[in-house]
Amino acid sequence: MYKIVLVDLVSQYKRIEQEINQAILGVLNHGRFINGPEVSQFSENLARYLDVNYVVPVANGTEAILVALKGLGIQPGDEVIVPAFTYIATAEVIAFLGAIPVLVDVDLDSFNIDVGQIESVITSKTKAIIPVHLYGQAANMQQIMEIARKYNLAVIEDNAQSLGAEYIFSDGHRQRTGTIGDIGTTSFFPTKNLGGYGDGGAIFTNNEDLYVKMRMIANHGQNKKYYHKYVGLNSRLDTIQAAILNVKLKYIDEYISKRQQAAKMYNERLADIEHISIPIVLNDRTHVFHQYTITLKSDNRDALKQYLADRGIPTQIYYPLPIHKQEAYQQIAKTPVSLENSEYLSHHVLSLPMHTELTEEIIDYITEAIRSFFKK
């Protein structure tokens, strides 16, 4: 058995090596490394895949949220509701603009924003909600959109971990995450389900006015060169990354299927271990398993992590410290509600290897090691 890794990008590349190399060589040969034709081609292909009207490619997932917030006109002192248990980038860009992250808790089962807390933290300063579709499964978008409409709030979906996932509304219609709110954002960091070979990101919307404004903001605030309507920034997806992503986008559904198959094997082998909870896939949404994250029911998460490491099994903790416990945010973020679930999860979650190249042999080895740990 080969060395186990959290994400096997090399083996994935080897499967499509010829296509990737040809795509990169195509860019090297035409020399348009910034805003080459592959960028617009990728934007069109991604819009078609997501069934969304507009895509703005940007430099990374963090700047995707930043541009989205600026597109909505978020100002210093405005409040934006975010979950406390997520990657820091979601709150980081709010604070960067001088706005205030208002933290709410997450559900223990889905790891996503607790919609039951949202209304209680809305004030006259609240301007937007950013649900994060964590680990690969959608937040409760039907209720979030109902609350947003009731209070005239914008919704930015942080879709960095869930590209390709779907939410199923009560009337039966299905919609891809990132296309339900006013704006969706994503990251093409190499380990994502659709990952490049460097940084990259994108913004999605069906609102033409927002699209035009965000496209300008990402390009120094200009629509015509040297004429600047907005205060913007330089946030571009470079042509080589677009070329790579154009190839990999063709395989995204296959990649998702392989992750789901791996998750199914994990579930079958771990379901009867009473000391852990396995990921729950809710009936009104699909799960693309950017991460396969278990929750330990006791306080021995770190011991299990070390036990697995000693046997050549890497794991990761996403995330060891919720936002309100981060030093930089203790004086910035508002915490008007209990965040006990976020604090609990930060001490009990553990993400196992999850990628498109996992085999049954590898999963057997990992799950038997977990089983042996609890038999000690």
Protein backbone atom coordinates (compact mmCIF):
# COMPACT_ATOMS: atom_id res chain seq x y z
CA MET A 1 0.00 0.00 0.00
CA TYR A 2 1.33 3.44 -0.91
CA LYS A 3 1.92 6.23 1.57
CA ILE A 4 -1.42 7.55 2.81
CA VAL A 5 -2.00 11.27 2.32
CA LEU A 6 -4.85 13.58 3.28
CA VAL A 7 -5.36 14.59 -0.36
CA ASP A 8 -3.64 12.80 -3.24
CA LEU A 9 -3.25 15.47 -5.90
CA VAL A 10 -0.35 13.75 -7.66
CA SER A 11 -2.23 10.55 -8.51
CA GLN A 12 -5.23 12.60 -9.63
CA TYR A 13 -2.97 14.62 -11.94
CA LYS A 14 -1.43 11.47 -13.41
CA ARG A 15 -4.86 10.32 -14.59
CA ILE A 16 -5.30 13.45 -16.73
CA GLU A 17 -1.64 14.33 -17.21
CA GLN A 18 -1.75 14.61 -20.99
CA GLU A 19 -4.78 16.91 -21.00
CA ILE A 20 -3.32 19.12 -18.27
CA ASN A 21 0.06 19.39 -19.97
CA GLN A 22 -1.53 20.27 -23.29
CA ALA A 23 -3.66 22.95 -21.64
CA ILE A 24 -0.62 24.52 -19.96
CA LEU A 25 1.45 24.33 -23.15
CA GLY A 26 -1.36 26.04 -25.02
CA VAL A 27 -1.04 29.04 -22.70
CA LEU A 28 2.75 29.03 -22.90
CA ASN A 29 2.53 29.05 -26.68
CA HIS A 30 0.10 31.94 -27.02
CA GLY A 31 1.65 33.93 -24.17
CA ARG A 32 -1.50 35.63 -22.87
CA PHE A 33 -0.80 34.84 -19.23
CA ILE A 34 -3.24 37.44 -17.91
CA ASN A 35 -6.84 37.47 -19.20
CA GLY A 36 -6.11 34.92 -21.89
CA PRO A 37 -8.99 33.24 -23.73
CA GLU A 38 -9.01 30.31 -21.31
CA VAL A 39 -10.27 32.62 -18.54
CA SER A 40 -13.46 33.56 -20.35
CA GLN A 41 -13.85 29.97 -21.56
CA PHE A 42 -13.66 28.70 -17.99
CA SER A 43 -16.10 31.36 -16.77
CA GLU A 44 -18.62 30.28 -19.42
CA ASN A 45 -18.13 26.58 -18.67
CA LEU A 46 -18.50 27.09 -14.92
CA ALA A 47 -21.63 29.23 -15.40
CA ARG A 48 -23.10 26.46 -17.53
CA TYR A 49 -22.24 23.79 -14.96
CA LEU A 50 -23.77 25.79 -12.11
CA ASP A 51 -26.72 27.02 -14.20
CA VAL A 52 -26.03 30.59 -13.18
CA ASN A 53 -26.01 33.68 -15.36
CA TYR A 54 -22.70 35.27 -14.43
CA VAL A 55 -19.27 34.24 -13.15
CA VAL A 56 -16.46 36.59 -12.10
CA PRO A 57 -13.12 34.75 -11.88
CA VAL A 58 -10.81 36.12 -9.18
CA ALA A 59 -7.43 35.43 -7.59
CA ASN A 60 -8.59 33.31 -4.63
CA GLY A 61 -11.55 32.38 -2.49
CA THR A 62 -10.87 35.00 0.17
CA GLU A 63 -10.90 37.83 -2.34
CA ALA A 64 -14.06 36.35 -3.84
CA ILE A 65 -15.87 37.10 -0.56
CA LEU A 66 -14.16 40.49 -0.29
CA VAL A 67 -15.27 41.54 -3.77
CA ALA A 68 -18.78 40.25 -3.04
CA LEU A 69 -19.00 42.35 0.12
CA LYS A 70 -17.72 45.42 -1.70
CA GLY A 71 -20.20 44.74 -4.49
CA LEU A 72 -23.00 44.87 -1.93
CA GLY A 73 -21.65 48.15 -0.59
CA ILE A 74 -20.77 46.87 2.89
CA GLN A 75 -19.41 49.79 4.93
CA PRO A 76 -17.50 50.18 8.22
CA GLY A 77 -19.88 49.52 11.11
CA ASP A 78 -22.24 47.33 9.09
CA GLU A 79 -22.98 43.92 10.57
CA VAL A 80 -22.70 40.64 8.69
CA ILE A 81 -23.90 37.36 10.19
CA VAL A 82 -21.52 34.39 9.91
CA PRO A 83 -21.09 31.03 11.65
CA ALA A 84 -18.49 30.88 14.40
CA PHE A 85 -17.26 27.46 13.27
CA THR A 86 -15.65 27.98 9.88
CA TYR A 87 -12.38 28.94 8.23
CA ILE A 88 -11.23 32.39 9.23
CA ALA A 89 -11.46 33.87 5.72
CA THR A 90 -15.24 34.24 5.98
CA ALA A 91 -14.98 36.63 8.94
CA GLU A 92 -11.61 38.03 7.93
CA VAL A 93 -12.84 39.99 4.94
CA ILE A 94 -15.76 41.43 6.92
CA ALA A 95 -13.33 42.79 9.50
CA PHE A 96 -10.93 43.92 6.78
CA LEU A 97 -13.64 46.26 5.46
CA GLY A 98 -14.27 47.65 8.95
CA ALA A 99 -17.60 45.85 9.20
CA ILE A 100 -18.55 43.65 12.15
CA PRO A 101 -18.77 39.85 12.01
CA VAL A 102 -21.78 38.78 14.06
CA LEU A 103 -21.23 35.18 15.08
CA VAL A 104 -23.91 32.55 15.44
CA ASP A 105 -23.59 28.88 16.31
CA VAL A 106 -23.72 25.81 14.08
CA ASP A 107 -25.70 22.57 14.19
CA LEU A 108 -23.87 19.63 15.73
CA ASP A 109 -25.11 17.27 13.03
CA SER A 110 -24.61 19.24 9.82
CA PHE A 111 -21.80 21.55 11.05
CA ASN A 112 -23.64 24.38 9.27
CA ILE A 113 -25.06 27.66 10.50
CA ASP A 114 -27.87 27.34 13.07
CA VAL A 115 -30.75 29.08 11.32
CA GLY A 116 -32.67 29.18 14.59
CA GLN A 117 -30.28 31.83 15.92
CA ILE A 118 -30.17 34.14 12.92
CA GLU A 119 -33.28 36.27 13.57
CA SER A 120 -32.30 36.90 17.18
CA VAL A 121 -29.05 38.66 16.17
CA ILE A 122 -30.46 40.88 13.41
CA THR A 123 -30.26 44.62 14.19
CA SER A 124 -30.73 47.83 12.25
CA LYS A 125 -27.06 47.54 11.27
CA THR A 126 -27.35 44.05 9.79
CA LYS A 127 -26.76 44.04 6.05
CA ALA A 128 -25.99 40.45 5.04
CA ILE A 129 -25.78 36.78 5.98
CA ILE A 130 -22.91 34.54 4.87
CA PRO A 131 -23.83 30.88 5.27
CA VAL A 132 -20.85 28.55 4.81
CA HIS A 133 -21.59 25.21 3.16
CA LEU A 134 -19.12 23.42 5.39
CA TYR A 135 -17.28 20.18 4.55
CA GLY A 136 -19.34 19.68 1.36
CA GLN A 137 -22.98 19.93 2.47
CA ALA A 138 -25.36 22.86 2.02
CA ALA A 139 -26.68 24.99 4.83
CA ASN A 140 -30.46 25.27 5.23
CA MET A 141 -30.89 27.68 2.33
CA GLN A 142 -34.68 27.68 2.24
CA GLN A 143 -34.97 29.09 5.76
CA ILE A 144 -31.99 31.39 5.28
CA MET A 145 -33.55 32.94 2.16
CA GLU A 146 -36.90 33.32 3.92
CA ILE A 147 -35.23 35.23 6.77
CA ALA A 148 -33.18 37.32 4.34
CA ARG A 149 -36.29 38.35 2.38
CA LYS A 150 -38.19 39.14 5.59
CA TYR A 151 -35.48 41.54 6.77
CA ASN A 152 -34.24 42.74 3.36
CA LEU A 153 -30.78 41.25 3.84
CA ALA A 154 -28.31 40.12 1.19
CA VAL A 155 -27.05 36.54 1.17
CA ILE A 156 -23.51 35.57 0.14
CA GLU A 157 -22.97 31.81 0.00
CA ASP A 158 -19.45 30.75 0.93
CA ASN A 159 -19.27 27.72 -1.37
CA ALA A 160 -15.52 27.09 -1.14
CA GLN A 161 -16.01 23.55 0.18
CA SER A 162 -19.20 22.52 -1.62
CA LEU A 163 -18.95 23.21 -5.34
CA GLY A 164 -21.31 20.79 -7.06
CA ALA A 165 -23.52 20.18 -4.03
CA GLU A 166 -27.28 20.69 -4.32
CA TYR A 167 -30.03 21.95 -2.05
CA ILE A 168 -33.54 20.51 -2.51
CA PHE A 169 -36.35 22.94 -1.71
CA SER A 170 -39.66 21.88 -0.18
CA ASP A 171 -41.37 22.15 -3.57
CA GLY A 172 -38.89 19.61 -4.96
CA HIS A 173 -36.77 21.85 -7.14
CA ARG A 174 -33.02 21.47 -6.84
CA GLN A 175 -30.39 24.16 -7.04
CA ARG A 176 -26.61 24.07 -6.83
CA THR A 177 -25.04 25.70 -3.81
CA GLY A 178 -23.60 29.10 -4.57
CA THR A 179 -26.47 30.00 -6.91
CA ILE A 180 -29.29 30.40 -4.38
CA GLY A 181 -28.36 33.62 -2.59
CA ASP A 182 -27.61 37.00 -4.13
CA ILE A 183 -23.97 36.00 -4.59
CA GLY A 184 -21.99 32.79 -4.31
CA THR A 185 -18.23 32.49 -3.89
CA THR A 186 -15.76 29.66 -4.18
CA SER A 187 -12.09 28.78 -3.98
CA PHE A 188 -9.96 26.77 -6.38
CA PHE A 189 -7.25 26.06 -3.81
CA PRO A 190 -5.57 22.81 -4.91
CA THR A 191 -7.23 20.61 -2.27
CA LYS A 192 -10.78 21.70 -3.14
CA ASN A 193 -13.10 19.37 -5.05
CA LEU A 194 -12.38 21.53 -8.09
CA GLY A 195 -8.83 22.64 -7.37
CA GLY A 196 -6.24 24.32 -9.53
CA TYR A 197 -2.48 24.05 -9.23
CA GLY A 198 -2.22 27.33 -7.36
CA ASP A 199 -4.59 29.95 -6.01
CA GLY A 200 -7.85 30.88 -7.67
CA GLY A 201 -11.47 31.70 -6.96
CA ALA A 202 -14.76 32.78 -8.48
CA ILE A 203 -17.96 34.67 -7.76
CA PHE A 204 -21.40 33.72 -9.11
CA THR A 205 -24.62 35.69 -9.40
CA ASN A 206 -27.81 35.98 -11.42
CA ASN A 207 -27.96 39.73 -10.81
CA GLU A 208 -26.56 41.62 -13.80
CA ASP A 209 -25.97 44.87 -11.90
CA LEU A 210 -24.03 43.06 -9.18
CA TYR A 211 -22.06 41.17 -11.81
CA VAL A 212 -20.99 44.34 -13.61
CA LYS A 213 -20.02 46.05 -10.37
CA MET A 214 -18.07 43.09 -8.96
CA ARG A 215 -16.26 42.52 -12.24
CA MET A 216 -15.14 46.14 -12.14
CA ILE A 217 -14.14 45.99 -8.47
CA ALA A 218 -11.97 42.94 -9.17
CA ASN A 219 -10.30 44.90 -11.99
CA HIS A 220 -9.17 48.02 -10.11
CA GLY A 221 -12.72 49.39 -10.14
CA GLN A 222 -12.59 50.04 -13.87
CA ASN A 223 -14.67 49.03 -16.85
CA LYS A 224 -12.58 51.07 -19.26
CA LYS A 225 -8.82 51.06 -18.81
CA TYR A 226 -7.57 53.97 -16.66
CA TYR A 227 -11.13 55.12 -15.84
CA HIS A 228 -12.05 54.02 -12.31
CA LYS A 229 -15.65 54.14 -11.13
CA TYR A 230 -15.13 52.22 -7.87
CA VAL A 231 -12.34 51.73 -5.37
CA GLY A 232 -11.24 48.28 -6.45
CA LEU A 233 -8.40 45.82 -6.27
CA ASN A 234 -6.40 43.60 -8.56
CA SER A 235 -7.93 40.13 -8.26
CA ARG A 236 -7.51 37.99 -11.36
CA LEU A 237 -7.57 34.29 -12.09
CA ASP A 238 -4.45 33.78 -14.18
CA THR A 239 -4.69 32.08 -17.54
CA ILE A 240 -2.72 28.95 -16.65
CA GLN A 241 -4.99 28.23 -13.70
CA ALA A 242 -8.06 28.79 -15.89
CA ALA A 243 -6.67 26.34 -18.45
CA ILE A 244 -6.11 23.72 -15.76
CA LEU A 245 -9.55 24.27 -14.27
CA ASN A 246 -11.15 23.98 -17.69
CA VAL A 247 -9.77 20.45 -17.90
CA LYS A 248 -10.67 19.49 -14.35
CA LEU A 249 -14.20 20.91 -14.57
CA LYS A 250 -15.01 18.14 -17.07
CA TYR A 251 -14.31 15.62 -14.30
CA ILE A 252 -15.98 17.37 -11.36
CA ASP A 253 -19.02 15.08 -11.23
CA GLU A 254 -16.75 12.03 -11.44
CA TYR A 255 -14.63 13.45 -8.63
CA ILE A 256 -17.72 14.06 -6.51
CA SER A 257 -18.94 10.51 -7.15
CA LYS A 258 -15.60 9.06 -6.06
CA ARG A 259 -15.67 11.09 -2.86
CA GLN A 260 -19.22 9.95 -2.17
CA GLN A 261 -18.20 6.32 -2.74
CA ALA A 262 -15.29 6.74 -0.33
CA ALA A 263 -17.62 8.30 2.25
CA LYS A 264 -20.03 5.39 1.85
CA MET A 265 -17.20 2.93 2.57
CA TYR A 266 -16.14 4.95 5.61
CA ASN A 267 -19.75 5.01 6.84
CA GLU A 268 -20.18 1.26 6.45
CA ARG A 269 -17.05 0.55 8.46
CA LEU A 270 -17.45 3.19 11.18
CA ALA A 271 -21.21 3.27 11.79
CA ASP A 272 -21.16 0.77 14.64
CA ILE A 273 -18.38 2.44 16.65
CA GLU A 274 -20.30 3.98 19.52
CA HIS A 275 -17.51 6.39 20.45
CA ILE A 276 -17.85 8.49 17.29
CA SER A 277 -20.50 10.13 15.14
CA ILE A 278 -20.13 9.85 11.37
CA PRO A 279 -21.22 12.60 8.97
CA ILE A 280 -24.96 12.90 8.42
CA VAL A 281 -26.33 13.59 4.95
CA LEU A 282 -29.61 15.44 5.32
CA ASN A 283 -32.57 14.52 3.09
CA ASP A 284 -32.96 17.97 1.53
CA ARG A 285 -29.39 18.30 0.28
CA THR A 286 -26.50 16.41 -1.28
CA HIS A 287 -22.99 16.08 0.13
CA VAL A 288 -19.85 16.33 -2.00
CA PHE A 289 -17.48 15.42 0.87
CA HIS A 290 -14.76 17.99 0.60
CA GLN A 291 -13.98 16.59 4.04
CA TYR A 292 -15.01 13.40 5.78
CA THR A 293 -15.25 14.55 9.38
CA ILE A 294 -16.07 12.41 12.38
CA THR A 295 -17.03 13.74 15.81
CA LEU A 296 -15.66 12.01 18.88
CA LYS A 297 -18.06 11.68 21.77
CA SER A 298 -15.33 11.85 24.41
CA ASP A 299 -12.30 14.06 24.95
CA ASN A 300 -9.72 11.78 23.33
CA ARG A 301 -9.65 13.34 19.86
CA ASP A 302 -6.00 14.33 20.10
CA ALA A 303 -5.04 10.87 21.34
CA LEU A 304 -6.76 9.29 18.35
CA LYS A 305 -5.07 11.74 16.01
CA GLN A 306 -1.65 10.75 17.38
CA TYR A 307 -2.51 7.04 17.34
CA LEU A 308 -3.39 7.27 13.65
CA ALA A 309 -0.29 9.36 12.87
CA ASP A 310 1.89 6.67 14.48
CA ARG A 311 0.40 4.24 11.94
CA GLY A 312 1.03 6.46 8.95
CA ILE A 313 -2.47 7.91 8.74
CA PRO A 314 -2.60 11.70 8.50
CA THR A 315 -5.65 13.55 9.82
CA GLN A 316 -6.54 17.20 10.26
CA ILE A 317 -8.62 19.29 12.62
CA TYR A 318 -10.97 21.68 10.82
CA TYR A 319 -11.07 23.83 13.00
CA PRO A 320 -9.26 23.76 16.35
CA LEU A 321 -10.38 27.22 17.45
CA PRO A 322 -13.71 28.89 16.56
CA ILE A 323 -13.62 32.48 15.37
CA HIS A 324 -14.68 34.04 18.65
CA LYS A 325 -11.74 32.36 20.39
CA GLN A 326 -9.19 33.72 17.91
CA GLU A 327 -7.08 36.48 19.40
CA ALA A 328 -7.57 38.83 16.46
CA TYR A 329 -11.37 38.68 16.70
CA GLN A 330 -12.09 38.82 20.40
CA GLN A 331 -12.48 42.61 20.30
CA ILE A 332 -13.97 42.75 16.79
CA ALA A 333 -16.64 40.08 16.46
CA LYS A 334 -20.03 40.29 18.14
CA THR A 335 -21.15 37.19 20.00
CA PRO A 336 -24.75 37.82 21.07
CA VAL A 337 -25.76 34.15 21.33
CA SER A 338 -24.38 30.94 22.80
CA LEU A 339 -21.66 29.35 20.68
CA GLU A 340 -21.40 26.13 22.66
CA ASN A 341 -21.69 23.84 19.64
CA SER A 342 -18.83 25.61 17.88
CA GLU A 343 -16.69 25.27 20.98
CA TYR A 344 -17.63 21.61 21.37
CA LEU A 345 -16.87 20.74 17.76
CA SER A 346 -13.51 22.47 17.86
CA HIS A 347 -12.46 19.94 20.53
CA HIS A 348 -14.12 16.85 19.02
CA VAL A 349 -13.94 16.87 15.20
CA LEU A 350 -11.35 15.01 13.18
CA SER A 351 -11.14 14.87 9.39
CA LEU A 352 -9.89 11.66 7.79
CA PRO A 353 -8.14 11.33 4.42
CA MET A 354 -10.62 12.20 1.67
CA HIS A 355 -9.85 12.47 -2.03
CA THR A 356 -10.61 10.92 -5.40
CA GLU A 357 -7.85 8.30 -5.24
CA LEU A 358 -8.91 6.50 -2.06
CA THR A 359 -9.15 2.72 -2.43
CA GLU A 360 -11.05 0.18 -0.40
CA GLU A 361 -7.72 -1.15 0.88
CA ILE A 362 -6.73 2.26 2.24
CA ILE A 363 -10.12 2.85 3.84
CA ASP A 364 -10.01 -0.62 5.42
CA TYR A 365 -6.63 0.18 6.92
CA ILE A 366 -7.76 3.56 8.27
CA THR A 367 -11.01 2.30 9.74
CA GLU A 368 -9.41 -0.77 11.31
CA ALA A 369 -6.89 1.53 13.00
CA ILE A 370 -9.73 3.64 14.39
CA ARG A 371 -11.50 0.51 15.59
CA SER A 372 -8.34 -0.79 17.27
CA PHE A 373 -7.87 2.53 19.07
CA PHE A 374 -11.22 2.19 20.81
CA LYS A 375 -10.54 -1.43 21.74
CA LYS A 376 -7.42 -0.55 23.72
